[in-house]
Amino acid sequence: MYSVSVSRSFVAQHYLTVPNPGPEGELHSHQFTAEVTFEGPELGEYGYLVDIDAVVEALETVVETVRDRTLNDLPAFERKNPSAERLAKVVGDRLLEELEPETATRLAVTVQEDDIASVTHDRSL
């Protein structure tokens, strides 16, 4: 099995919309790092699982849609709690809109929130 990972860091704001969110219910910022990992058992014609440069470019395009923004204001989070888990799924969804993953069969998107916690959304391709 092969895997290729690429990461990008960014700052974004949000406020949680769950009942009794405590201080997380107020608008605040986080330093996020999104790491995307493609996995697959076979390499493509040129010996790549995925083209790393293409992944870097696609992830940067996706990150630019959330960098320095309030997640609650973005259509992907409309009427939804903007959790780190949901952010990981949104990053994965948008990444796959930007990129054909060649021979990869899985995608995992890990979002680290500050230096405290990380969450992962994993899917088959």
N, C-alpha and C. Protein backbone atom coordinates (compact mmCIF):
# COMPACT_ATOMS: atom_id res chain seq x y z
N MET A 1 0.86 -1.17 0.00
CA MET A 1 0.00 0.00 0.00
C MET A 1 0.90 1.23 0.00
N TYR A 2 0.53 2.22 -0.81
CA TYR A 2 1.26 3.48 -0.88
C TYR A 2 0.40 4.58 -0.27
N SER A 3 1.06 5.61 0.25
CA SER A 3 0.33 6.79 0.72
C SER A 3 1.14 8.04 0.41
N VAL A 4 0.42 9.10 0.11
CA VAL A 4 1.01 10.41 -0.16
C VAL A 4 0.22 11.43 0.65
N SER A 5 0.94 12.26 1.42
CA SER A 5 0.29 13.28 2.25
C SER A 5 0.82 14.66 1.91
N VAL A 6 -0.08 15.62 1.97
CA VAL A 6 0.26 17.03 1.76
C VAL A 6 -0.52 17.82 2.80
N SER A 7 0.09 18.87 3.35
CA SER A 7 -0.62 19.68 4.36
C SER A 7 -0.45 21.17 4.08
N ARG A 8 -1.43 21.91 4.57
CA ARG A 8 -1.41 23.37 4.50
C ARG A 8 -2.03 23.90 5.79
N SER A 9 -1.45 24.98 6.32
CA SER A 9 -1.97 25.62 7.53
C SER A 9 -2.67 26.91 7.17
N PHE A 10 -3.65 27.26 8.01
CA PHE A 10 -4.41 28.48 7.77
C PHE A 10 -5.14 28.87 9.06
N VAL A 11 -5.54 30.11 9.12
CA VAL A 11 -6.35 30.60 10.23
C VAL A 11 -7.76 30.82 9.70
N ALA A 12 -8.73 30.39 10.50
CA ALA A 12 -10.13 30.64 10.18
C ALA A 12 -10.87 30.85 11.50
N GLN A 13 -12.04 31.44 11.40
CA GLN A 13 -12.85 31.72 12.58
C GLN A 13 -14.13 30.88 12.52
N HIS A 14 -14.72 30.68 13.67
CA HIS A 14 -16.04 30.07 13.75
C HIS A 14 -16.60 30.28 15.15
N TYR A 15 -17.87 29.95 15.28
CA TYR A 15 -18.50 29.85 16.59
C TYR A 15 -19.42 28.64 16.51
N LEU A 16 -19.42 27.85 17.56
CA LEU A 16 -20.22 26.64 17.56
C LEU A 16 -21.68 26.96 17.81
N THR A 17 -22.55 26.18 17.19
CA THR A 17 -23.99 26.46 17.25
C THR A 17 -24.76 25.35 17.96
N VAL A 18 -24.07 24.56 18.76
CA VAL A 18 -24.72 23.49 19.51
C VAL A 18 -25.32 24.08 20.79
N PRO A 19 -26.25 23.37 21.43
CA PRO A 19 -26.76 23.85 22.71
C PRO A 19 -25.63 23.96 23.74
N ASN A 20 -25.65 25.01 24.52
CA ASN A 20 -24.68 25.24 25.58
C ASN A 20 -23.24 25.09 25.13
N PRO A 21 -22.80 25.87 24.13
CA PRO A 21 -21.44 25.71 23.61
C PRO A 21 -20.35 26.30 24.49
N GLY A 22 -20.75 27.00 25.55
CA GLY A 22 -19.75 27.64 26.40
C GLY A 22 -19.01 28.71 25.61
N PRO A 23 -17.74 28.94 25.92
CA PRO A 23 -16.99 29.99 25.23
C PRO A 23 -16.82 29.73 23.73
N GLU A 24 -16.96 28.47 23.30
CA GLU A 24 -16.85 28.15 21.87
C GLU A 24 -18.04 28.69 21.07
N GLY A 25 -19.06 29.18 21.77
CA GLY A 25 -20.21 29.79 21.10
C GLY A 25 -19.97 31.23 20.68
N GLU A 26 -18.85 31.79 21.10
CA GLU A 26 -18.45 33.14 20.70
C GLU A 26 -17.49 33.04 19.51
N LEU A 27 -17.51 34.03 18.65
CA LEU A 27 -16.62 34.05 17.49
C LEU A 27 -15.16 34.01 17.97
N HIS A 28 -14.40 33.07 17.43
CA HIS A 28 -13.00 32.94 17.81
C HIS A 28 -12.22 32.33 16.64
N SER A 29 -10.91 32.46 16.68
CA SER A 29 -10.03 31.97 15.62
C SER A 29 -9.29 30.72 16.06
N HIS A 30 -8.91 29.93 15.05
CA HIS A 30 -8.04 28.78 15.27
C HIS A 30 -6.97 28.76 14.20
N GLN A 31 -5.82 28.24 14.55
CA GLN A 31 -4.80 27.87 13.57
C GLN A 31 -5.11 26.43 13.20
N PHE A 32 -5.56 26.22 11.98
CA PHE A 32 -5.87 24.89 11.48
C PHE A 32 -4.75 24.41 10.58
N THR A 33 -4.54 23.11 10.56
CA THR A 33 -3.70 22.48 9.55
C THR A 33 -4.53 21.37 8.93
N ALA A 34 -4.69 21.42 7.61
CA ALA A 34 -5.39 20.37 6.88
C ALA A 34 -4.34 19.49 6.22
N GLU A 35 -4.37 18.20 6.54
CA GLU A 35 -3.47 17.24 5.91
C GLU A 35 -4.33 16.24 5.14
N VAL A 36 -4.04 16.11 3.85
CA VAL A 36 -4.76 15.15 3.02
C VAL A 36 -3.82 14.00 2.71
N THR A 37 -4.34 12.79 2.84
CA THR A 37 -3.55 11.59 2.57
C THR A 37 -4.31 10.70 1.61
N PHE A 38 -3.68 10.46 0.47
CA PHE A 38 -4.22 9.52 -0.51
C PHE A 38 -3.52 8.19 -0.30
N GLU A 39 -4.26 7.09 -0.42
CA GLU A 39 -3.70 5.75 -0.31
C GLU A 39 -4.17 4.90 -1.47
N GLY A 40 -3.36 3.93 -1.82
CA GLY A 40 -3.75 2.99 -2.86
C GLY A 40 -2.71 1.90 -3.01
N PRO A 41 -3.12 0.73 -3.55
CA PRO A 41 -2.22 -0.40 -3.66
C PRO A 41 -1.32 -0.38 -4.89
N GLU A 42 -1.63 0.44 -5.87
CA GLU A 42 -0.90 0.43 -7.14
C GLU A 42 -0.45 1.84 -7.53
N LEU A 43 0.66 1.91 -8.24
CA LEU A 43 1.12 3.17 -8.80
C LEU A 43 0.63 3.29 -10.24
N GLY A 44 0.51 4.53 -10.70
CA GLY A 44 0.07 4.78 -12.06
C GLY A 44 1.19 4.57 -13.07
N GLU A 45 0.91 4.91 -14.30
CA GLU A 45 1.82 4.71 -15.42
C GLU A 45 3.20 5.29 -15.19
N TYR A 46 3.29 6.44 -14.50
CA TYR A 46 4.57 7.11 -14.31
C TYR A 46 5.18 6.87 -12.93
N GLY A 47 4.65 5.90 -12.21
CA GLY A 47 5.20 5.56 -10.91
C GLY A 47 4.71 6.43 -9.77
N TYR A 48 3.57 7.09 -9.95
CA TYR A 48 2.97 7.93 -8.91
C TYR A 48 1.67 7.32 -8.43
N LEU A 49 1.40 7.50 -7.15
CA LEU A 49 0.05 7.23 -6.64
C LEU A 49 -0.83 8.41 -7.05
N VAL A 50 -0.35 9.62 -6.77
CA VAL A 50 -0.97 10.87 -7.22
C VAL A 50 0.15 11.82 -7.57
N ASP A 51 -0.14 12.81 -8.36
CA ASP A 51 0.83 13.84 -8.70
C ASP A 51 0.89 14.82 -7.52
N ILE A 52 1.99 14.82 -6.79
CA ILE A 52 2.10 15.64 -5.58
C ILE A 52 1.89 17.12 -5.91
N ASP A 53 2.45 17.60 -7.01
CA ASP A 53 2.27 19.02 -7.37
C ASP A 53 0.79 19.34 -7.59
N ALA A 54 0.06 18.43 -8.20
CA ALA A 54 -1.37 18.65 -8.42
C ALA A 54 -2.12 18.67 -7.09
N VAL A 55 -1.72 17.80 -6.15
CA VAL A 55 -2.36 17.78 -4.83
C VAL A 55 -2.07 19.08 -4.09
N VAL A 56 -0.82 19.54 -4.14
CA VAL A 56 -0.45 20.81 -3.49
C VAL A 56 -1.30 21.95 -4.05
N GLU A 57 -1.39 22.03 -5.36
CA GLU A 57 -2.17 23.10 -5.99
C GLU A 57 -3.65 23.01 -5.62
N ALA A 58 -4.22 21.82 -5.66
CA ALA A 58 -5.64 21.66 -5.33
C ALA A 58 -5.90 21.99 -3.86
N LEU A 59 -5.02 21.54 -2.96
CA LEU A 59 -5.23 21.83 -1.54
C LEU A 59 -5.10 23.32 -1.28
N GLU A 60 -4.16 23.98 -1.92
CA GLU A 60 -4.03 25.43 -1.73
C GLU A 60 -5.29 26.15 -2.22
N THR A 61 -5.85 25.70 -3.34
CA THR A 61 -7.10 26.29 -3.84
C THR A 61 -8.23 26.12 -2.83
N VAL A 62 -8.33 24.93 -2.25
CA VAL A 62 -9.37 24.67 -1.26
C VAL A 62 -9.15 25.50 -0.01
N VAL A 63 -7.93 25.55 0.49
CA VAL A 63 -7.63 26.29 1.72
C VAL A 63 -7.93 27.78 1.53
N GLU A 64 -7.69 28.30 0.35
CA GLU A 64 -7.98 29.72 0.11
C GLU A 64 -9.46 30.05 0.26
N THR A 65 -10.35 29.06 0.13
CA THR A 65 -11.78 29.32 0.29
C THR A 65 -12.20 29.46 1.75
N VAL A 66 -11.33 29.04 2.68
CA VAL A 66 -11.65 29.14 4.11
C VAL A 66 -10.68 30.02 4.89
N ARG A 67 -9.51 30.27 4.32
CA ARG A 67 -8.48 31.07 5.02
C ARG A 67 -9.02 32.45 5.36
N ASP A 68 -8.85 32.84 6.64
CA ASP A 68 -9.24 34.16 7.14
C ASP A 68 -10.73 34.44 6.97
N ARG A 69 -11.52 33.38 6.94
CA ARG A 69 -12.97 33.52 6.81
C ARG A 69 -13.64 33.01 8.08
N THR A 70 -14.91 33.37 8.25
CA THR A 70 -15.74 32.81 9.31
C THR A 70 -16.48 31.63 8.71
N LEU A 71 -16.20 30.43 9.19
CA LEU A 71 -16.79 29.23 8.61
C LEU A 71 -18.31 29.28 8.61
N ASN A 72 -18.90 29.82 9.67
CA ASN A 72 -20.37 29.90 9.76
C ASN A 72 -20.98 30.64 8.58
N ASP A 73 -20.23 31.55 7.96
CA ASP A 73 -20.76 32.37 6.86
C ASP A 73 -20.66 31.69 5.50
N LEU A 74 -20.01 30.55 5.43
CA LEU A 74 -19.79 29.88 4.15
C LEU A 74 -20.95 28.94 3.84
N PRO A 75 -21.34 28.83 2.56
CA PRO A 75 -22.47 27.97 2.19
C PRO A 75 -22.34 26.52 2.67
N ALA A 76 -21.15 25.97 2.69
CA ALA A 76 -20.96 24.57 3.11
C ALA A 76 -21.35 24.34 4.57
N PHE A 77 -21.40 25.42 5.36
CA PHE A 77 -21.72 25.30 6.78
C PHE A 77 -23.07 25.92 7.12
N GLU A 78 -23.81 26.33 6.11
CA GLU A 78 -25.10 26.99 6.35
C GLU A 78 -26.01 26.07 7.17
N ARG A 79 -26.49 26.58 8.30
CA ARG A 79 -27.38 25.87 9.22
C ARG A 79 -26.76 24.59 9.77
N LYS A 80 -25.43 24.53 9.79
CA LYS A 80 -24.74 23.38 10.34
C LYS A 80 -23.69 23.86 11.34
N ASN A 81 -23.46 23.07 12.36
CA ASN A 81 -22.42 23.40 13.32
C ASN A 81 -21.06 23.28 12.62
N PRO A 82 -20.25 24.35 12.62
CA PRO A 82 -18.98 24.33 11.89
C PRO A 82 -17.85 23.66 12.69
N SER A 83 -18.03 22.41 12.96
CA SER A 83 -17.05 21.65 13.74
C SER A 83 -15.82 21.34 12.89
N ALA A 84 -14.76 20.96 13.56
CA ALA A 84 -13.55 20.53 12.85
C ALA A 84 -13.84 19.28 12.01
N GLU A 85 -14.70 18.41 12.52
CA GLU A 85 -15.08 17.21 11.76
C GLU A 85 -15.74 17.60 10.44
N ARG A 86 -16.68 18.54 10.50
CA ARG A 86 -17.35 18.98 9.27
C ARG A 86 -16.35 19.68 8.35
N LEU A 87 -15.43 20.44 8.90
CA LEU A 87 -14.41 21.10 8.08
C LEU A 87 -13.57 20.06 7.34
N ALA A 88 -13.22 18.96 7.99
CA ALA A 88 -12.44 17.90 7.34
C ALA A 88 -13.20 17.33 6.15
N LYS A 89 -14.50 17.11 6.29
CA LYS A 89 -15.30 16.58 5.18
C LYS A 89 -15.39 17.59 4.04
N VAL A 90 -15.62 18.85 4.38
CA VAL A 90 -15.72 19.90 3.36
C VAL A 90 -14.41 20.01 2.58
N VAL A 91 -13.28 19.97 3.28
CA VAL A 91 -11.99 20.03 2.58
C VAL A 91 -11.87 18.86 1.62
N GLY A 92 -12.24 17.67 2.06
CA GLY A 92 -12.18 16.50 1.18
C GLY A 92 -13.10 16.62 -0.02
N ASP A 93 -14.34 17.07 0.21
CA ASP A 93 -15.29 17.25 -0.89
C ASP A 93 -14.74 18.21 -1.93
N ARG A 94 -14.25 19.34 -1.48
CA ARG A 94 -13.74 20.37 -2.40
C ARG A 94 -12.46 19.91 -3.09
N LEU A 95 -11.63 19.20 -2.37
CA LEU A 95 -10.39 18.70 -2.97
C LEU A 95 -10.71 17.78 -4.16
N LEU A 96 -11.70 16.91 -3.99
CA LEU A 96 -12.05 15.98 -5.06
C LEU A 96 -12.74 16.69 -6.23
N GLU A 97 -13.28 17.87 -6.00
CA GLU A 97 -13.80 18.68 -7.11
C GLU A 97 -12.66 19.27 -7.94
N GLU A 98 -11.51 19.46 -7.31
CA GLU A 98 -10.35 20.08 -7.95
C GLU A 98 -9.39 19.08 -8.59
N LEU A 99 -9.50 17.81 -8.24
CA LEU A 99 -8.42 16.86 -8.50
C LEU A 99 -8.97 15.50 -8.91
N GLU A 100 -8.35 14.88 -9.91
CA GLU A 100 -8.58 13.47 -10.25
C GLU A 100 -7.47 12.67 -9.56
N PRO A 101 -7.79 11.82 -8.59
CA PRO A 101 -6.74 11.20 -7.79
C PRO A 101 -6.03 9.99 -8.41
N GLU A 102 -6.02 9.85 -9.70
CA GLU A 102 -5.27 8.81 -10.40
C GLU A 102 -5.59 7.43 -9.85
N THR A 103 -4.63 6.74 -9.25
CA THR A 103 -4.82 5.36 -8.81
C THR A 103 -5.15 5.23 -7.32
N ALA A 104 -5.30 6.33 -6.62
CA ALA A 104 -5.62 6.26 -5.19
C ALA A 104 -7.00 5.65 -4.98
N THR A 105 -7.14 4.91 -3.90
CA THR A 105 -8.41 4.26 -3.57
C THR A 105 -9.03 4.77 -2.27
N ARG A 106 -8.26 5.56 -1.50
CA ARG A 106 -8.76 6.13 -0.24
C ARG A 106 -8.24 7.56 -0.10
N LEU A 107 -9.04 8.36 0.60
CA LEU A 107 -8.64 9.71 0.96
C LEU A 107 -8.97 9.93 2.42
N ALA A 108 -7.99 10.38 3.19
CA ALA A 108 -8.20 10.78 4.58
C ALA A 108 -7.82 12.25 4.69
N VAL A 109 -8.70 13.03 5.31
CA VAL A 109 -8.42 14.44 5.56
C VAL A 109 -8.39 14.63 7.06
N THR A 110 -7.24 15.03 7.57
CA THR A 110 -7.08 15.31 8.99
C THR A 110 -6.98 16.81 9.18
N VAL A 111 -7.79 17.33 10.08
CA VAL A 111 -7.73 18.75 10.43
C VAL A 111 -7.27 18.85 11.87
N GLN A 112 -6.15 19.53 12.05
CA GLN A 112 -5.66 19.80 13.40
C GLN A 112 -6.13 21.19 13.78
N GLU A 113 -6.70 21.30 14.98
CA GLU A 113 -7.19 22.58 15.49
C GLU A 113 -6.23 23.04 16.57
N ASP A 114 -5.52 24.14 16.26
CA ASP A 114 -4.47 24.62 17.14
C ASP A 114 -3.50 23.46 17.39
N ASP A 115 -2.95 23.37 18.58
CA ASP A 115 -2.06 22.25 18.91
C ASP A 115 -2.75 21.29 19.87
N ILE A 116 -4.08 21.33 19.87
CA ILE A 116 -4.82 20.61 20.90
C ILE A 116 -5.44 19.32 20.40
N ALA A 117 -6.09 19.37 19.25
CA ALA A 117 -6.87 18.21 18.81
C ALA A 117 -6.79 18.06 17.30
N SER A 118 -7.03 16.86 16.85
CA SER A 118 -7.16 16.63 15.41
C SER A 118 -8.30 15.67 15.16
N VAL A 119 -8.92 15.82 13.99
CA VAL A 119 -10.03 14.96 13.58
C VAL A 119 -9.73 14.49 12.16
N THR A 120 -10.29 13.34 11.79
CA THR A 120 -10.05 12.80 10.46
C THR A 120 -11.36 12.37 9.82
N HIS A 121 -11.52 12.71 8.56
CA HIS A 121 -12.61 12.17 7.74
C HIS A 121 -11.96 11.29 6.68
N ASP A 122 -12.39 10.03 6.62
CA ASP A 122 -11.79 9.03 5.75
C ASP A 122 -12.85 8.52 4.79
N ARG A 123 -12.50 8.33 3.52
CA ARG A 123 -13.45 7.81 2.54
C ARG A 123 -12.77 6.97 1.48
N SER A 124 -13.54 6.05 0.93
CA SER A 124 -13.09 5.29 -0.23
C SER A 124 -13.30 6.15 -1.47
N LEU A 125 -12.45 5.94 -2.45
CA LEU A 125 -12.57 6.67 -3.72
C LEU A 125 -13.03 5.71 -4.82
